[in-house]
Protein backbone atom coordinates (compact mmCIF):
# COMPACT_ATOMS: atom_id res chain seq x y z
CA MET A 1 15.86 36.72 -4.31
CA ILE A 2 12.09 37.26 -4.31
CA THR A 3 10.90 39.87 -6.67
CA LYS A 4 7.51 41.88 -6.91
CA SER A 5 6.60 39.53 -9.69
CA ASP A 6 7.27 36.49 -7.56
CA LEU A 7 5.00 37.99 -4.82
CA LYS A 8 2.24 38.46 -7.38
CA TYR A 9 2.33 34.84 -8.44
CA LEU A 10 2.59 33.62 -4.82
CA ARG A 11 -0.41 35.62 -3.92
CA ARG A 12 -2.29 33.87 -6.61
CA CYS A 13 -1.20 30.47 -5.05
CA ILE A 14 -2.58 31.46 -1.89
CA GLU A 15 -5.92 32.49 -3.57
CA LEU A 16 -5.97 28.94 -5.13
CA ALA A 17 -5.22 27.42 -1.70
CA LYS A 18 -8.34 29.40 -0.41
CA THR A 19 -10.36 27.94 -3.18
CA ALA A 20 -9.14 24.49 -2.21
CA LEU A 21 -10.20 25.13 1.42
CA GLU A 22 -13.61 26.50 0.37
CA LYS A 23 -14.19 23.25 -1.60
CA GLY A 24 -13.30 21.19 1.55
CA ASP A 25 -9.69 20.28 0.52
CA GLU A 26 -6.31 20.87 1.91
CA PRO A 27 -5.17 24.34 1.31
CA PHE A 28 -2.56 24.21 -1.47
CA GLY A 29 -2.31 26.16 -4.69
CA SER A 30 0.26 26.48 -7.53
CA VAL A 31 0.88 28.27 -10.74
CA LEU A 32 3.15 27.62 -13.68
CA VAL A 33 4.65 30.73 -15.33
CA SER A 34 6.67 30.94 -18.61
CA ALA A 35 10.08 32.59 -18.86
CA ASP A 36 8.28 35.61 -20.45
CA GLY A 37 5.87 35.88 -17.35
CA GLU A 38 2.91 34.30 -18.90
CA LEU A 39 0.69 32.46 -16.51
CA LEU A 40 0.37 29.10 -18.28
CA ALA A 41 -1.48 26.89 -15.88
CA GLU A 42 -2.71 26.90 -12.29
CA ASP A 43 -4.41 24.45 -10.01
CA HIS A 44 -5.24 23.61 -6.42
CA ASN A 45 -5.36 20.53 -4.24
CA HIS A 46 -7.86 17.86 -5.26
CA VAL A 47 -7.12 15.15 -2.43
CA ALA A 48 -10.46 15.38 -0.60
CA GLY A 49 -11.82 12.57 -2.86
CA GLY A 50 -9.27 10.22 -1.53
CA ASP A 51 -6.69 10.31 -4.17
CA HIS A 52 -3.73 11.75 -2.30
CA THR A 53 -1.71 12.14 -5.48
CA ARG A 54 -3.80 15.04 -6.71
CA HIS A 55 -1.49 17.83 -5.69
CA PRO A 56 -1.37 20.90 -7.84
CA GLU A 57 2.38 20.77 -8.35
CA PHE A 58 2.10 17.30 -9.69
CA ALA A 59 -0.78 18.31 -12.04
CA LEU A 60 1.42 21.25 -13.32
CA ALA A 61 4.29 18.92 -13.92
CA ARG A 62 2.08 16.64 -16.14
CA TRP A 63 0.54 19.59 -17.86
CA ALA A 64 4.05 20.96 -18.68
CA ALA A 65 5.20 17.51 -20.05
CA SER A 66 2.26 17.38 -22.50
CA ASN A 67 2.21 21.17 -23.56
CA MET A 68 5.77 22.57 -23.42
CA THR A 69 9.11 21.85 -24.97
CA ALA A 70 12.00 20.71 -22.89
CA GLU A 71 13.53 24.15 -23.18
CA GLU A 72 10.31 25.95 -22.18
CA ARG A 73 10.01 23.75 -19.16
CA GLU A 74 13.52 24.42 -18.18
CA ARG A 75 12.95 28.11 -18.38
CA ALA A 76 9.57 28.08 -16.54
CA THR A 77 8.81 28.67 -12.84
CA VAL A 78 6.46 26.86 -10.49
CA TYR A 79 5.12 29.05 -7.73
CA THR A 80 3.34 27.26 -4.89
CA SER A 81 1.76 28.12 -1.51
CA GLY A 82 3.73 25.29 0.17
CA GLU A 83 6.99 23.60 -0.50
CA HIS A 84 6.68 20.58 -2.82
CA CYS A 85 6.32 17.16 -1.18
CA PRO A 86 8.76 14.54 -2.31
CA MET A 87 6.22 13.17 -4.96
CA CYS A 88 5.83 16.61 -6.52
CA ALA A 89 9.54 17.47 -6.31
CA ALA A 90 10.30 14.29 -8.18
CA ALA A 91 7.72 15.04 -10.84
CA HIS A 92 9.08 18.53 -11.19
CA GLY A 93 12.68 16.98 -11.64
CA TRP A 94 11.60 14.30 -14.05
CA VAL A 95 9.79 16.67 -16.42
CA GLY A 96 12.72 19.15 -16.26
CA LEU A 97 10.83 22.24 -14.87
CA GLY A 98 13.01 25.19 -13.78
CA ARG A 99 12.88 27.46 -10.80
CA ILE A 100 10.65 26.74 -7.67
CA VAL A 101 9.27 29.40 -5.40
CA TYR A 102 7.20 28.69 -2.40
CA ALA A 103 5.50 30.82 0.27
CA SER A 104 5.78 28.33 3.18
CA SER A 105 8.23 25.45 3.73
CA SER A 106 7.63 21.81 4.61
CA LYS A 107 9.41 22.22 7.89
CA GLN A 108 7.02 25.20 8.74
CA LEU A 109 4.03 23.07 7.86
CA VAL A 110 5.24 20.13 10.06
CA GLY A 111 5.74 22.57 12.97
CA TRP A 112 2.28 24.07 12.52
CA LEU A 113 0.57 20.68 12.31
CA SER A 114 2.40 19.60 15.32
CA GLU A 115 1.24 22.62 17.20
CA MET A 116 -2.37 21.83 16.19
CA GLY A 117 -2.05 18.24 17.34
CA VAL A 118 -2.29 16.84 13.88
CA SER A 119 -0.61 13.50 13.38
CA PRO A 120 2.38 13.48 10.98
CA SER A 121 1.95 12.31 7.29
CA ARG A 122 2.96 8.80 6.34
CA VAL A 123 5.29 10.36 3.76
CA ARG A 124 8.27 12.18 5.19
CA ASN A 125 8.68 15.83 4.51
CA LEU A 126 11.92 16.39 2.79
CA PRO A 127 13.34 19.65 1.55
CA ILE A 128 13.23 19.78 -2.25
CA GLN A 129 16.98 19.88 -2.48
CA ASN A 130 16.97 16.28 -0.90
CA VAL A 131 14.85 15.07 -3.74
CA ILE A 132 16.16 16.94 -6.95
CA ARG A 133 19.24 18.83 -7.83
CA ASP A 134 20.28 21.45 -10.22
CA THR A 135 17.04 23.50 -9.52
CA ILE A 136 16.92 27.04 -8.31
CA ILE A 137 14.71 27.17 -5.18
CA ASP A 138 13.52 30.21 -3.36
CA GLY A 139 11.37 30.23 -0.21
CA PRO A 140 9.91 30.39 2.29
CA VAL A 141 8.59 33.97 2.11
CA PRO A 142 7.86 35.24 5.63
CA GLU A 143 5.46 37.87 4.70
CA LEU A 144 3.24 35.30 3.07
CA SER A 145 3.81 32.20 5.12
CA GLU A 146 1.53 33.38 8.01
CA GLN A 147 -1.37 33.51 5.56
CA VAL A 148 -0.54 29.95 4.55
CA ARG A 149 -0.52 28.91 8.27
CA GLU A 150 -3.92 30.49 8.89
CA LEU A 151 -5.41 28.55 5.85
CA HIS A 152 -4.08 25.19 7.39
CA ARG A 153 -5.49 26.19 10.90
CA LEU A 154 -8.85 26.83 9.26
CA PHE A 155 -8.79 23.53 7.45
CA TYR A 156 -8.08 21.48 10.54
CA GLU A 157 -10.49 23.52 12.65
CA LYS A 158 -13.26 22.58 10.10
CA LYS A 159 -12.14 19.09 9.98
CA GLY A 160 -12.46 18.93 13.85
């Protein structure tokens, strides 16, 4: 169930995705929130330089591993503009982070990119549940997914 608090953090993720887009990067943004609702860390995509492992969810998992206890990680929530890719889902699982909440799904992204004539990624888009288990996962959020779609449209329009 998506709460008002969840929507607040997801909107921040979309702001971070816009920042990534403004910097010429793919529009993805994520935040890490403690069990007490404290925003601990945030990031956006940094893949434009050629290193396609520089996803915000992966960066947050690494930050959490270095800065939080196992119990704190388990009780934390990762919010993100787009569902974790398999690499990020695995990182999330390996460091033992808790709940995941996303605005738009991988399935939605694949459909949008197909409609835009963008070739599929070399890495398969898998639902998070197909990569990790024992994690609460909420998403997509219809009221926000259209905003994410528009950011991707703008990215590929600029890319030409």
